[in-house]
Amino acid sequence: MPLNLSPNIPDPDAFYDQLLLAHQGLSKAESDALNARLILILANHIGAPDILRAALEAARLERPGDQAS
């Protein structure tokens, strides 16, 4: 199965609210650690090395300030 980069979260606004709530009251270091744990938990759930590799490549290509075509 290829990496899915199309919108796939049923209620993305609700998820974003949950993500912000999870970071509420944390220091920058704590917030960074939460993000790292979340990434590792989700990567473990995905498990497929080819999908994880493709996700890393896609994330590296998308940088703040880049213009989408």
PDB file of N, CA and C in Angstrom:
ATOM      1  N   MET A   1       0.852  -1.180   0.000  1.00  0.00           N
ATOM      2  CA  MET A   1       0.000   0.000   0.000  1.00  0.00           C
ATOM      3  C   MET A   1       0.897   1.242   0.000  1.00  0.00           C
ATOM      4  N   PRO A   2       0.665   2.193  -0.923  1.00  0.00           N
ATOM      5  CA  PRO A   2       1.472   3.417  -0.949  1.00  0.00           C
ATOM      6  C   PRO A   2       1.075   4.373   0.171  1.00  0.00           C
ATOM      7  N   LEU A   3       1.959   5.318   0.429  1.00  0.00           N
ATOM      8  CA  LEU A   3       1.697   6.348   1.432  1.00  0.00           C
ATOM      9  C   LEU A   3       0.494   7.188   1.004  1.00  0.00           C
ATOM     10  N   ASN A   4      -0.461   7.362   1.892  1.00  0.00           N
ATOM     11  CA  ASN A   4      -1.656   8.158   1.619  1.00  0.00           C
ATOM     12  C   ASN A   4      -1.409   9.586   2.079  1.00  0.00           C
ATOM     13  N   LEU A   5      -1.309  10.513   1.120  1.00  0.00           N
ATOM     14  CA  LEU A   5      -1.131  11.921   1.452  1.00  0.00           C
ATOM     15  C   LEU A   5      -2.420  12.721   1.262  1.00  0.00           C
ATOM     16  N   SER A   6      -3.497  12.034   0.925  1.00  0.00           N
ATOM     17  CA  SER A   6      -4.803  12.691   0.791  1.00  0.00           C
ATOM     18  C   SER A   6      -5.442  12.842   2.164  1.00  0.00           C
ATOM     19  N   PRO A   7      -6.308  13.862   2.338  1.00  0.00           N
ATOM     20  CA  PRO A   7      -6.996  14.001   3.625  1.00  0.00           C
ATOM     21  C   PRO A   7      -7.677  12.688   4.016  1.00  0.00           C
ATOM     22  N   ASN A   8      -7.447  12.238   5.251  1.00  0.00           N
ATOM     23  CA  ASN A   8      -7.929  10.924   5.669  1.00  0.00           C
ATOM     24  C   ASN A   8      -8.450  10.913   7.105  1.00  0.00           C
ATOM     25  N   ILE A   9      -8.476  12.057   7.751  1.00  0.00           N
ATOM     26  CA  ILE A   9      -8.974  12.141   9.129  1.00  0.00           C
ATOM     27  C   ILE A   9     -10.431  12.601   9.049  1.00  0.00           C
ATOM     28  N   PRO A  10     -11.373  11.808   9.581  1.00  0.00           N
ATOM     29  CA  PRO A  10     -12.793  12.154   9.467  1.00  0.00           C
ATOM     30  C   PRO A  10     -13.141  13.562   9.970  1.00  0.00           C
ATOM     31  N   ASP A  11     -12.543  13.983  11.063  1.00  0.00           N
ATOM     32  CA  ASP A  11     -12.811  15.316  11.622  1.00  0.00           C
ATOM     33  C   ASP A  11     -11.467  15.959  11.968  1.00  0.00           C
ATOM     34  N   PRO A  12     -10.770  16.509  10.965  1.00  0.00           N
ATOM     35  CA  PRO A  12      -9.432  17.038  11.214  1.00  0.00           C
ATOM     36  C   PRO A  12      -9.405  18.186  12.222  1.00  0.00           C
ATOM     37  N   ASP A  13     -10.449  19.003  12.254  1.00  0.00           N
ATOM     38  CA  ASP A  13     -10.473  20.100  13.215  1.00  0.00           C
ATOM     39  C   ASP A  13     -10.533  19.584  14.649  1.00  0.00           C
ATOM     40  N   ALA A  14     -11.308  18.542  14.880  1.00  0.00           N
ATOM     41  CA  ALA A  14     -11.393  17.955  16.222  1.00  0.00           C
ATOM     42  C   ALA A  14     -10.050  17.341  16.616  1.00  0.00           C
ATOM     43  N   PHE A  15      -9.390  16.664  15.661  1.00  0.00           N
ATOM     44  CA  PHE A  15      -8.081  16.096  15.977  1.00  0.00           C
ATOM     45  C   PHE A  15      -7.082  17.207  16.298  1.00  0.00           C
ATOM     46  N   TYR A  16      -7.103  18.277  15.518  1.00  0.00           N
ATOM     47  CA  TYR A  16      -6.188  19.392  15.767  1.00  0.00           C
ATOM     48  C   TYR A  16      -6.434  19.984  17.150  1.00  0.00           C
ATOM     49  N   ASP A  17      -7.700  20.126  17.532  1.00  0.00           N
ATOM     50  CA  ASP A  17      -8.031  20.614  18.878  1.00  0.00           C
ATOM     51  C   ASP A  17      -7.472  19.686  19.951  1.00  0.00           C
ATOM     52  N   GLN A  18      -7.591  18.363  19.733  1.00  0.00           N
ATOM     53  CA  GLN A  18      -7.053  17.391  20.691  1.00  0.00           C
ATOM     54  C   GLN A  18      -5.533  17.503  20.783  1.00  0.00           C
ATOM     55  N   LEU A  19      -4.892  17.702  19.638  1.00  0.00           N
ATOM     56  CA  LEU A  19      -3.441  17.842  19.614  1.00  0.00           C
ATOM     57  C   LEU A  19      -3.004  19.085  20.380  1.00  0.00           C
ATOM     58  N   LEU A  20      -3.681  20.199  20.150  1.00  0.00           N
ATOM     59  CA  LEU A  20      -3.354  21.417  20.894  1.00  0.00           C
ATOM     60  C   LEU A  20      -3.582  21.236  22.389  1.00  0.00           C
ATOM     61  N   LEU A  21      -4.679  20.577  22.748  1.00  0.00           N
ATOM     62  CA  LEU A  21      -4.989  20.332  24.151  1.00  0.00           C
ATOM     63  C   LEU A  21      -3.905  19.467  24.808  1.00  0.00           C
ATOM     64  N   ALA A  22      -3.387  18.494  24.076  1.00  0.00           N
ATOM     65  CA  ALA A  22      -2.338  17.625  24.618  1.00  0.00           C
ATOM     66  C   ALA A  22      -1.071  18.418  24.934  1.00  0.00           C
ATOM     67  N   HIS A  23      -0.838  19.515  24.223  1.00  0.00           N
ATOM     68  CA  HIS A  23       0.361  20.338  24.422  1.00  0.00           C
ATOM     69  C   HIS A  23       0.147  21.457  25.435  1.00  0.00           C
ATOM     70  N   GLN A  24      -1.102  21.664  25.817  1.00  0.00           N
ATOM     71  CA  GLN A  24      -1.423  22.771  26.721  1.00  0.00           C
ATOM     72  C   GLN A  24      -0.658  22.660  28.031  1.00  0.00           C
ATOM     73  N   GLY A  25      -0.006  23.753  28.429  1.00  0.00           N
ATOM     74  CA  GLY A  25       0.704  23.818  29.696  1.00  0.00           C
ATOM     75  C   GLY A  25       2.085  23.192  29.684  1.00  0.00           C
ATOM     76  N   LEU A  26       2.523  22.674  28.543  1.00  0.00           N
ATOM     77  CA  LEU A  26       3.839  22.054  28.465  1.00  0.00           C
ATOM     78  C   LEU A  26       4.899  23.078  28.079  1.00  0.00           C
ATOM     79  N   SER A  27       6.098  22.858  28.558  1.00  0.00           N
ATOM     80  CA  SER A  27       7.218  23.682  28.118  1.00  0.00           C
ATOM     81  C   SER A  27       7.588  23.264  26.694  1.00  0.00           C
ATOM     82  N   LYS A  28       8.466  24.028  26.048  1.00  0.00           N
ATOM     83  CA  LYS A  28       8.923  23.679  24.696  1.00  0.00           C
ATOM     84  C   LYS A  28       9.560  22.298  24.691  1.00  0.00           C
ATOM     85  N   ALA A  29      10.388  22.003  25.674  1.00  0.00           N
ATOM     86  CA  ALA A  29      11.059  20.696  25.754  1.00  0.00           C
ATOM     87  C   ALA A  29      10.037  19.574  25.962  1.00  0.00           C
ATOM     88  N   GLU A  30       9.048  19.793  26.829  1.00  0.00           N
ATOM     89  CA  GLU A  30       8.010  18.793  27.062  1.00  0.00           C
ATOM     90  C   GLU A  30       7.155  18.582  25.811  1.00  0.00           C
ATOM     91  N   SER A  31       6.858  19.681  25.118  1.00  0.00           N
ATOM     92  CA  SER A  31       6.070  19.605  23.895  1.00  0.00           C
ATOM     93  C   SER A  31       6.838  18.847  22.808  1.00  0.00           C
ATOM     94  N   ASP A  32       8.126  19.125  22.678  1.00  0.00           N
ATOM     95  CA  ASP A  32       8.959  18.397  21.715  1.00  0.00           C
ATOM     96  C   ASP A  32       9.010  16.906  22.052  1.00  0.00           C
ATOM     97  N   ALA A  33       9.104  16.586  23.333  1.00  0.00           N
ATOM     98  CA  ALA A  33       9.140  15.184  23.760  1.00  0.00           C
ATOM     99  C   ALA A  33       7.805  14.494  23.469  1.00  0.00           C
ATOM    100  N   LEU A  34       6.687  15.199  23.695  1.00  0.00           N
ATOM    101  CA  LEU A  34       5.369  14.642  23.377  1.00  0.00           C
ATOM    102  C   LEU A  34       5.296  14.344  21.876  1.00  0.00           C
ATOM    103  N   ASN A  35       5.737  15.300  21.039  1.00  0.00           N
ATOM    104  CA  ASN A  35       5.728  15.076  19.594  1.00  0.00           C
ATOM    105  C   ASN A  35       6.569  13.866  19.210  1.00  0.00           C
ATOM    106  N   ALA A  36       7.739  13.734  19.803  1.00  0.00           N
ATOM    107  CA  ALA A  36       8.607  12.596  19.497  1.00  0.00           C
ATOM    108  C   ALA A  36       7.933  11.282  19.891  1.00  0.00           C
ATOM    109  N   ARG A  37       7.318  11.240  21.069  1.00  0.00           N
ATOM    110  CA  ARG A  37       6.630  10.014  21.494  1.00  0.00           C
ATOM    111  C   ARG A  37       5.460   9.695  20.569  1.00  0.00           C
ATOM    112  N   LEU A  38       4.702  10.722  20.190  1.00  0.00           N
ATOM    113  CA  LEU A  38       3.569  10.521  19.293  1.00  0.00           C
ATOM    114  C   LEU A  38       4.031   9.971  17.943  1.00  0.00           C
ATOM    115  N   ILE A  39       5.099  10.529  17.409  1.00  0.00           N
ATOM    116  CA  ILE A  39       5.646  10.039  16.140  1.00  0.00           C
ATOM    117  C   ILE A  39       6.041   8.575  16.259  1.00  0.00           C
ATOM    118  N   LEU A  40       6.726   8.214  17.327  1.00  0.00           N
ATOM    119  CA  LEU A  40       7.171   6.827  17.498  1.00  0.00           C
ATOM    120  C   LEU A  40       5.988   5.875  17.705  1.00  0.00           C
ATOM    121  N   ILE A  41       4.979   6.307  18.432  1.00  0.00           N
ATOM    122  CA  ILE A  41       3.783   5.477  18.636  1.00  0.00           C
ATOM    123  C   ILE A  41       3.073   5.235  17.304  1.00  0.00           C
ATOM    124  N   LEU A  42       2.893   6.302  16.522  1.00  0.00           N
ATOM    125  CA  LEU A  42       2.219   6.154  15.232  1.00  0.00           C
ATOM    126  C   LEU A  42       3.069   5.366  14.240  1.00  0.00           C
ATOM    127  N   ALA A  43       4.388   5.578  14.256  1.00  0.00           N
ATOM    128  CA  ALA A  43       5.282   4.803  13.382  1.00  0.00           C
ATOM    129  C   ALA A  43       5.206   3.322  13.731  1.00  0.00           C
ATOM    130  N   ASN A  44       5.152   3.008  15.009  1.00  0.00           N
ATOM    131  CA  ASN A  44       5.028   1.617  15.430  1.00  0.00           C
ATOM    132  C   ASN A  44       3.708   1.032  14.948  1.00  0.00           C
ATOM    133  N   HIS A  45       2.647   1.818  15.014  1.00  0.00           N
ATOM    134  CA  HIS A  45       1.336   1.359  14.556  1.00  0.00           C
ATOM    135  C   HIS A  45       1.362   1.064  13.055  1.00  0.00           C
ATOM    136  N   ILE A  46       1.994   1.934  12.285  1.00  0.00           N
ATOM    137  CA  ILE A  46       2.105   1.735  10.839  1.00  0.00           C
ATOM    138  C   ILE A  46       2.973   0.524  10.547  1.00  0.00           C
ATOM    139  N   GLY A  47       4.158   0.522  11.105  1.00  0.00           N
ATOM    140  CA  GLY A  47       5.044  -0.632  11.037  1.00  0.00           C
ATOM    141  C   GLY A  47       5.745  -0.895   9.721  1.00  0.00           C
ATOM    142  N   ALA A  48       5.145  -0.607   8.599  1.00  0.00           N
ATOM    143  CA  ALA A  48       5.706  -0.944   7.296  1.00  0.00           C
ATOM    144  C   ALA A  48       6.884  -0.021   6.959  1.00  0.00           C
ATOM    145  N   PRO A  49       8.085  -0.591   6.845  1.00  0.00           N
ATOM    146  CA  PRO A  49       9.273   0.237   6.593  1.00  0.00           C
ATOM    147  C   PRO A  49       9.170   1.100   5.330  1.00  0.00           C
ATOM    148  N   ASP A  50       8.563   0.570   4.270  1.00  0.00           N
ATOM    149  CA  ASP A  50       8.459   1.344   3.034  1.00  0.00           C
ATOM    150  C   ASP A  50       7.538   2.552   3.207  1.00  0.00           C
ATOM    151  N   ILE A  51       6.466   2.391   3.971  1.00  0.00           N
ATOM    152  CA  ILE A  51       5.552   3.505   4.235  1.00  0.00           C
ATOM    153  C   ILE A  51       6.234   4.543   5.124  1.00  0.00           C
ATOM    154  N   LEU A  52       6.941   4.086   6.144  1.00  0.00           N
ATOM    155  CA  LEU A  52       7.640   5.002   7.043  1.00  0.00           C
ATOM    156  C   LEU A  52       8.717   5.775   6.285  1.00  0.00           C
ATOM    157  N   ARG A  53       9.439   5.103   5.411  1.00  0.00           N
ATOM    158  CA  ARG A  53      10.471   5.755   4.599  1.00  0.00           C
ATOM    159  C   ARG A  53       9.835   6.816   3.698  1.00  0.00           C
ATOM    160  N   ALA A  54       8.736   6.474   3.051  1.00  0.00           N
ATOM    161  CA  ALA A  54       8.047   7.427   2.179  1.00  0.00           C
ATOM    162  C   ALA A  54       7.533   8.624   2.977  1.00  0.00           C
ATOM    163  N   ALA A  55       7.055   8.383   4.182  1.00  0.00           N
ATOM    164  CA  ALA A  55       6.564   9.470   5.032  1.00  0.00           C
ATOM    165  C   ALA A  55       7.710  10.403   5.429  1.00  0.00           C
ATOM    166  N   LEU A  56       8.857   9.835   5.759  1.00  0.00           N
ATOM    167  CA  LEU A  56      10.018  10.659   6.091  1.00  0.00           C
ATOM    168  C   LEU A  56      10.428  11.514   4.897  1.00  0.00           C
ATOM    169  N   GLU A  57      10.448  10.913   3.727  1.00  0.00           N
ATOM    170  CA  GLU A  57      10.811  11.659   2.519  1.00  0.00           C
ATOM    171  C   GLU A  57       9.811  12.769   2.238  1.00  0.00           C
ATOM    172  N   ALA A  58       8.519  12.473   2.364  1.00  0.00           N
ATOM    173  CA  ALA A  58       7.482  13.479   2.122  1.00  0.00           C
ATOM    174  C   ALA A  58       7.588  14.622   3.131  1.00  0.00           C
ATOM    175  N   ALA A  59       7.822  14.296   4.383  1.00  0.00           N
ATOM    176  CA  ALA A  59       7.928  15.319   5.420  1.00  0.00           C
ATOM    177  C   ALA A  59       9.155  16.201   5.196  1.00  0.00           C
ATOM    178  N   ARG A  60      10.217  15.616   4.714  1.00  0.00           N
ATOM    179  CA  ARG A  60      11.431  16.383   4.452  1.00  0.00           C
ATOM    180  C   ARG A  60      11.246  17.340   3.273  1.00  0.00           C
ATOM    181  N   LEU A  61      10.432  16.957   2.317  1.00  0.00           N
ATOM    182  CA  LEU A  61      10.181  17.805   1.159  1.00  0.00           C
ATOM    183  C   LEU A  61       9.273  18.975   1.479  1.00  0.00           C
ATOM    184  N   GLU A  62       8.364  18.787   2.434  1.00  0.00           N
ATOM    185  CA  GLU A  62       7.420  19.826   2.819  1.00  0.00           C
ATOM    186  C   GLU A  62       8.030  20.642   3.952  1.00  0.00           C
ATOM    187  N   ARG A  63       8.432  21.864   3.644  1.00  0.00           N
ATOM    188  CA  ARG A  63       9.035  22.721   4.647  1.00  0.00           C
ATOM    189  C   ARG A  63       8.228  24.008   4.789  1.00  0.00           C
ATOM    190  N   PRO A  64       8.200  24.576   5.980  1.00  0.00           N
ATOM    191  CA  PRO A  64       7.465  25.838   6.160  1.00  0.00           C
ATOM    192  C   PRO A  64       7.936  26.862   5.131  1.00  0.00           C
ATOM    193  N   GLY A  65       6.980  27.552   4.518  1.00  0.00           N
ATOM    194  CA  GLY A  65       7.300  28.567   3.527  1.00  0.00           C
ATOM    195  C   GLY A  65       7.328  28.040   2.106  1.00  0.00           C
ATOM    196  N   ASP A  66       7.351  26.711   1.948  1.00  0.00           N
ATOM    197  CA  ASP A  66       7.305  26.133   0.596  1.00  0.00           C
ATOM    198  C   ASP A  66       5.943  26.431  -0.010  1.00  0.00           C
ATOM    199  N   GLN A  67       5.924  26.685  -1.287  1.00  0.00           N
ATOM    200  CA  GLN A  67       4.673  26.924  -1.987  1.00  0.00           C
ATOM    201  C   GLN A  67       4.211  25.641  -2.642  1.00  0.00           C
ATOM    202  N   ALA A  68       2.975  25.240  -2.385  1.00  0.00           N
ATOM    203  CA  ALA A  68       2.397  24.070  -3.046  1.00  0.00           C
ATOM    204  C   ALA A  68       2.001  24.478  -4.458  1.00  0.00           C
ATOM    205  N   SER A  69       2.233  23.585  -5.419  1.00  0.00           N
ATOM    206  CA  SER A  69       1.875  23.899  -6.806  1.00  0.00           C
ATOM    207  C   SER A  69       0.443  23.524  -7.084  1.00  0.00           C
TER     208      SER A  69
END
